[in-house]
Amino acid sequence: MECPLLVVAVLAVLAVAREAGAYYEQQEEIRIGGLFLTTEEDCVSAFYAAIDAVNEDKDVLPDHRLVGVDVAVPEFDALEAHKRVCELLAGGVAAVLGPSSGVPATHKAVQLRAFA
């Protein structure tokens, strides 16, 4: 795993966690979804390393613990990505990170705009 990827993952998870911590004040666990291409194994590892880093620093979210939920999608399957994002949201995730590229990334951005 490349270090820059881990740094980006930690920063993304930290930003989401801070916002979610305020919103999910009454919940001890905050679920964070990770939508990854089937070829992005390094990104999945970085995602969980970032969640672990946030959980280990009790100053960041002292009353919460992040729980990662990762889902793999094929690069050119926007319909599968759509289904998976819907499943993540229905499962109560506070945020969805990824994928970093490909058709699913573009489709997810369009899909999530509907929730804004």
C-alpha atoms as a PDB file:
ATOM      1  CA  MET A   1       0.000   0.000   0.000  1.00  0.00           C
ATOM      2  CA  GLU A   2       1.310   3.423  -0.908  1.00  0.00           C
ATOM      3  CA  CYS A   3       1.675   5.995   1.868  1.00  0.00           C
ATOM      4  CA  PRO A   4      -0.098   8.810  -0.021  1.00  0.00           C
ATOM      5  CA  LEU A   5      -3.134   6.579  -0.420  1.00  0.00           C
ATOM      6  CA  LEU A   6      -3.242   5.944   3.321  1.00  0.00           C
ATOM      7  CA  VAL A   7      -2.903   9.660   4.085  1.00  0.00           C
ATOM      8  CA  VAL A   8      -5.771  10.523   1.750  1.00  0.00           C
ATOM      9  CA  ALA A   9      -7.906   7.764   3.231  1.00  0.00           C
ATOM     10  CA  VAL A  10      -7.235   8.921   6.802  1.00  0.00           C
ATOM     11  CA  LEU A  11      -8.094  12.514   5.919  1.00  0.00           C
ATOM     12  CA  ALA A  12     -11.292  11.509   4.115  1.00  0.00           C
ATOM     13  CA  VAL A  13     -12.448   9.253   6.941  1.00  0.00           C
ATOM     14  CA  LEU A  14     -11.526  11.873   9.530  1.00  0.00           C
ATOM     15  CA  ALA A  15     -13.506  14.586   7.737  1.00  0.00           C
ATOM     16  CA  VAL A  16     -16.541  12.334   7.455  1.00  0.00           C
ATOM     17  CA  ALA A  17     -16.182  11.149  11.035  1.00  0.00           C
ATOM     18  CA  ARG A  18     -16.140  14.640  12.495  1.00  0.00           C
ATOM     19  CA  GLU A  19     -19.350  15.565  10.674  1.00  0.00           C
ATOM     20  CA  ALA A  20     -20.994  12.242  11.451  1.00  0.00           C
ATOM     21  CA  GLY A  21     -19.999  12.438  15.110  1.00  0.00           C
ATOM     22  CA  ALA A  22     -22.047  15.586  15.543  1.00  0.00           C
ATOM     23  CA  TYR A  23     -24.987  14.205  13.578  1.00  0.00           C
ATOM     24  CA  TYR A  24     -24.948  10.759  15.178  1.00  0.00           C
ATOM     25  CA  GLU A  25     -24.571  12.091  18.698  1.00  0.00           C
ATOM     26  CA  GLN A  26     -26.699   9.375  20.291  1.00  0.00           C
ATOM     27  CA  GLN A  27     -25.010   6.435  18.552  1.00  0.00           C
ATOM     28  CA  GLU A  28     -21.822   4.806  19.750  1.00  0.00           C
ATOM     29  CA  GLU A  29     -21.023   3.245  16.359  1.00  0.00           C
ATOM     30  CA  ILE A  30     -20.897   5.203  13.131  1.00  0.00           C
ATOM     31  CA  ARG A  31     -20.921   3.116   9.963  1.00  0.00           C
ATOM     32  CA  ILE A  32     -18.841   4.401   7.034  1.00  0.00           C
ATOM     33  CA  GLY A  33     -19.340   2.801   3.628  1.00  0.00           C
ATOM     34  CA  GLY A  34     -16.542   2.229   1.169  1.00  0.00           C
ATOM     35  CA  LEU A  35     -17.444   1.602  -2.470  1.00  0.00           C
ATOM     36  CA  PHE A  36     -14.435   0.205  -4.302  1.00  0.00           C
ATOM     37  CA  LEU A  37     -13.682  -1.178  -7.726  1.00  0.00           C
ATOM     38  CA  THR A  38     -12.846  -4.881  -7.699  1.00  0.00           C
ATOM     39  CA  THR A  39      -9.265  -3.902  -8.646  1.00  0.00           C
ATOM     40  CA  GLU A  40      -8.799  -1.490  -5.714  1.00  0.00           C
ATOM     41  CA  GLU A  41      -7.526  -3.850  -3.012  1.00  0.00           C
ATOM     42  CA  ASP A  42      -5.018  -1.218  -1.836  1.00  0.00           C
ATOM     43  CA  CYS A  43      -7.843   1.264  -1.392  1.00  0.00           C
ATOM     44  CA  VAL A  44      -9.801  -1.190   0.747  1.00  0.00           C
ATOM     45  CA  SER A  45      -6.742  -1.718   2.939  1.00  0.00           C
ATOM     46  CA  ALA A  46      -6.209   2.042   3.213  1.00  0.00           C
ATOM     47  CA  PHE A  47      -9.883   2.531   4.082  1.00  0.00           C
ATOM     48  CA  TYR A  48      -9.694   0.124   7.030  1.00  0.00           C
ATOM     49  CA  ALA A  49      -6.307   1.465   8.134  1.00  0.00           C
ATOM     50  CA  ALA A  50      -7.808   4.958   8.167  1.00  0.00           C
ATOM     51  CA  ILE A  51     -10.782   3.801  10.228  1.00  0.00           C
ATOM     52  CA  ASP A  52      -8.418   2.086  12.672  1.00  0.00           C
ATOM     53  CA  ALA A  53      -6.305   5.249  12.937  1.00  0.00           C
ATOM     54  CA  VAL A  54      -9.362   7.363  13.755  1.00  0.00           C
ATOM     55  CA  ASN A  55     -10.651   4.808  16.276  1.00  0.00           C
ATOM     56  CA  GLU A  56      -7.275   4.597  18.031  1.00  0.00           C
ATOM     57  CA  ASP A  57      -7.120   8.373  18.604  1.00  0.00           C
ATOM     58  CA  LYS A  58      -9.665   8.929  21.369  1.00  0.00           C
ATOM     59  CA  ASP A  59      -9.346  12.708  20.973  1.00  0.00           C
ATOM     60  CA  VAL A  60     -10.925  12.569  17.514  1.00  0.00           C
ATOM     61  CA  LEU A  61     -14.245  10.894  18.349  1.00  0.00           C
ATOM     62  CA  PRO A  62     -14.154  10.159  22.071  1.00  0.00           C
ATOM     63  CA  ASP A  63     -17.729   8.871  22.286  1.00  0.00           C
ATOM     64  CA  HIS A  64     -17.907   7.028  18.966  1.00  0.00           C
ATOM     65  CA  ARG A  65     -16.327   4.141  17.109  1.00  0.00           C
ATOM     66  CA  LEU A  66     -16.226   3.939  13.324  1.00  0.00           C
ATOM     67  CA  VAL A  67     -17.214   0.728  11.608  1.00  0.00           C
ATOM     68  CA  GLY A  68     -16.259   0.224   7.983  1.00  0.00           C
ATOM     69  CA  VAL A  69     -18.460  -1.514   5.453  1.00  0.00           C
ATOM     70  CA  ASP A  70     -16.752  -2.175   2.125  1.00  0.00           C
ATOM     71  CA  VAL A  71     -18.407  -3.159  -1.122  1.00  0.00           C
ATOM     72  CA  ALA A  72     -16.671  -4.101  -4.387  1.00  0.00           C
ATOM     73  CA  VAL A  73     -18.132  -3.205  -7.788  1.00  0.00           C
ATOM     74  CA  PRO A  74     -16.948  -3.874 -11.344  1.00  0.00           C
ATOM     75  CA  GLU A  75     -15.397  -0.864 -13.086  1.00  0.00           C
ATOM     76  CA  PHE A  76     -17.940  -0.486 -15.884  1.00  0.00           C
ATOM     77  CA  ASP A  77     -21.119  -1.507 -14.066  1.00  0.00           C
ATOM     78  CA  ALA A  78     -22.989   1.623 -13.016  1.00  0.00           C
ATOM     79  CA  LEU A  79     -26.164  -0.342 -12.256  1.00  0.00           C
ATOM     80  CA  GLU A  80     -24.331  -2.566  -9.764  1.00  0.00           C
ATOM     81  CA  ALA A  81     -22.742   0.529  -8.176  1.00  0.00           C
ATOM     82  CA  HIS A  82     -26.188   2.112  -7.877  1.00  0.00           C
ATOM     83  CA  LYS A  83     -27.590  -0.981  -6.169  1.00  0.00           C
ATOM     84  CA  ARG A  84     -24.648  -1.160  -3.774  1.00  0.00           C
ATOM     85  CA  VAL A  85     -24.899   2.523  -2.793  1.00  0.00           C
ATOM     86  CA  CYS A  86     -28.613   2.038  -2.109  1.00  0.00           C
ATOM     87  CA  GLU A  87     -27.807  -0.994   0.062  1.00  0.00           C
ATOM     88  CA  LEU A  88     -25.171   0.962   1.987  1.00  0.00           C
ATOM     89  CA  LEU A  89     -27.549   3.867   2.587  1.00  0.00           C
ATOM     90  CA  ALA A  90     -30.382   1.523   3.587  1.00  0.00           C
ATOM     91  CA  GLY A  91     -27.934  -0.125   5.997  1.00  0.00           C
ATOM     92  CA  GLY A  92     -27.491   3.147   7.850  1.00  0.00           C
ATOM     93  CA  VAL A  93     -24.055   4.317   6.760  1.00  0.00           C
ATOM     94  CA  ALA A  94     -23.222   7.921   7.597  1.00  0.00           C
ATOM     95  CA  ALA A  95     -21.185   8.366   4.421  1.00  0.00           C
ATOM     96  CA  VAL A  96     -19.969   6.549   1.333  1.00  0.00           C
ATOM     97  CA  LEU A  97     -16.362   6.919   0.196  1.00  0.00           C
ATOM     98  CA  GLY A  98     -15.080   5.812  -3.222  1.00  0.00           C
ATOM     99  CA  PRO A  99     -14.679   4.569  -5.819  1.00  0.00           C
ATOM    100  CA  SER A 100     -11.790   6.697  -6.937  1.00  0.00           C
ATOM    101  CA  SER A 101     -12.430   6.352 -10.669  1.00  0.00           C
ATOM    102  CA  GLY A 102     -14.476   4.682 -13.353  1.00  0.00           C
ATOM    103  CA  VAL A 103     -18.108   4.736 -14.341  1.00  0.00           C
ATOM    104  CA  PRO A 104     -19.341   3.868 -10.813  1.00  0.00           C
ATOM    105  CA  ALA A 105     -17.665   7.002  -9.407  1.00  0.00           C
ATOM    106  CA  THR A 106     -19.492   9.261 -11.835  1.00  0.00           C
ATOM    107  CA  HIS A 107     -22.772   7.447 -11.289  1.00  0.00           C
ATOM    108  CA  LYS A 108     -22.435   7.612  -7.487  1.00  0.00           C
ATOM    109  CA  ALA A 109     -21.868  11.372  -7.642  1.00  0.00           C
ATOM    110  CA  VAL A 110     -25.061  11.832  -9.643  1.00  0.00           C
ATOM    111  CA  GLN A 111     -26.989   9.477  -7.381  1.00  0.00           C
ATOM    112  CA  LEU A 112     -25.878  11.139  -4.133  1.00  0.00           C
ATOM    113  CA  ARG A 113     -26.748  14.617  -5.408  1.00  0.00           C
ATOM    114  CA  ALA A 114     -30.348  13.533  -5.049  1.00  0.00           C
ATOM    115  CA  PHE A 115     -29.809  13.240  -1.266  1.00  0.00           C
ATOM    116  CA  ALA A 116     -28.246  16.706  -0.912  1.00  0.00           C
END
